[in-house]
Protein backbone atom coordinates (compact mmCIF):
# COMPACT_ATOMS: atom_id res chain seq x y z
CA UNK A 1 13.57 13.82 -12.85
CA UNK A 2 14.64 11.72 -9.86
CA UNK A 3 13.59 14.44 -7.42
CA UNK A 4 10.12 14.48 -8.96
CA UNK A 5 9.86 10.71 -8.46
CA UNK A 6 10.98 11.00 -4.82
CA UNK A 7 8.49 13.76 -4.09
CA UNK A 8 5.70 11.70 -5.58
CA UNK A 9 6.50 8.72 -3.36
CA UNK A 10 6.95 10.93 -0.31
CA UNK A 11 3.55 12.55 -0.83
CA UNK A 12 1.88 9.15 -1.13
CA UNK A 13 3.45 7.97 2.11
CA UNK A 14 2.31 11.14 3.85
CA UNK A 15 -1.28 10.39 2.78
CA UNK A 16 -1.03 6.90 4.27
CA UNK A 17 0.49 8.34 7.43
CA UNK A 18 -2.32 10.87 7.75
CA UNK A 19 -4.87 8.10 7.33
CA UNK A 20 -3.36 6.07 10.17
CA UNK A 21 -3.14 9.14 12.41
CA UNK A 22 -6.79 9.90 11.70
CA UNK A 23 -7.83 6.34 12.52
CA UNK A 24 -5.79 6.33 15.73
CA UNK A 25 -7.05 9.70 16.98
CA UNK A 26 -10.68 8.82 16.33
CA UNK A 27 -10.31 5.46 18.07
CA UNK A 28 -11.01 3.46 14.93
CA UNK A 29 -8.42 0.81 15.80
CA UNK A 30 -10.59 -1.93 14.31
CA UNK A 31 -10.14 -0.38 10.85
CA UNK A 32 -6.34 -0.41 10.92
CA UNK A 33 -6.00 -4.15 10.06
CA UNK A 34 -8.40 -3.72 7.15
CA UNK A 35 -6.42 -0.79 5.77
CA UNK A 36 -3.16 -2.71 6.14
CA UNK A 37 -4.57 -5.70 4.25
CA UNK A 38 -5.85 -3.44 1.47
CA UNK A 39 -2.45 -1.76 1.20
CA UNK A 40 -0.69 -5.13 1.02
CA UNK A 41 -3.08 -6.37 -1.66
CA UNK A 42 -2.54 -3.22 -3.69
CA UNK A 43 1.23 -3.68 -3.44
CA UNK A 44 0.82 -7.29 -4.54
CA UNK A 45 -1.14 -6.19 -7.58
CA UNK A 46 1.42 -3.53 -8.47
CA UNK A 47 4.41 -5.86 -8.16
CA UNK A 48 2.79 -8.77 -9.98
CA UNK A 49 2.18 -6.88 -13.19
CA UNK A 50 5.44 -8.33 -14.41
CA UNK A 51 5.01 -11.46 -16.54
CA UNK A 52 7.92 -13.22 -14.79
CA UNK A 53 6.09 -13.30 -11.45
CA UNK A 54 2.75 -14.62 -12.76
CA UNK A 55 3.51 -18.38 -12.34
CA UNK A 56 4.32 -17.85 -8.66
CA UNK A 57 1.09 -15.95 -8.03
CA UNK A 58 -1.00 -18.75 -9.56
CA UNK A 59 0.39 -21.14 -6.96
CA UNK A 60 -0.79 -18.86 -4.15
CA UNK A 61 -4.38 -18.95 -5.28
């Protein structure tokens, strides 16, 4: 069960890596900051689904 979880995470990171390689090779450097911000916002949404973190998020916005 743990190996399945690790493979899932590893495959997701490889997709992100391929995206950055694609952007770099096609000289789309201006898109890299936008992708990074979107990834950070998605991580924020995932980690703030816990009810204990909600009061801290309200203070940010």
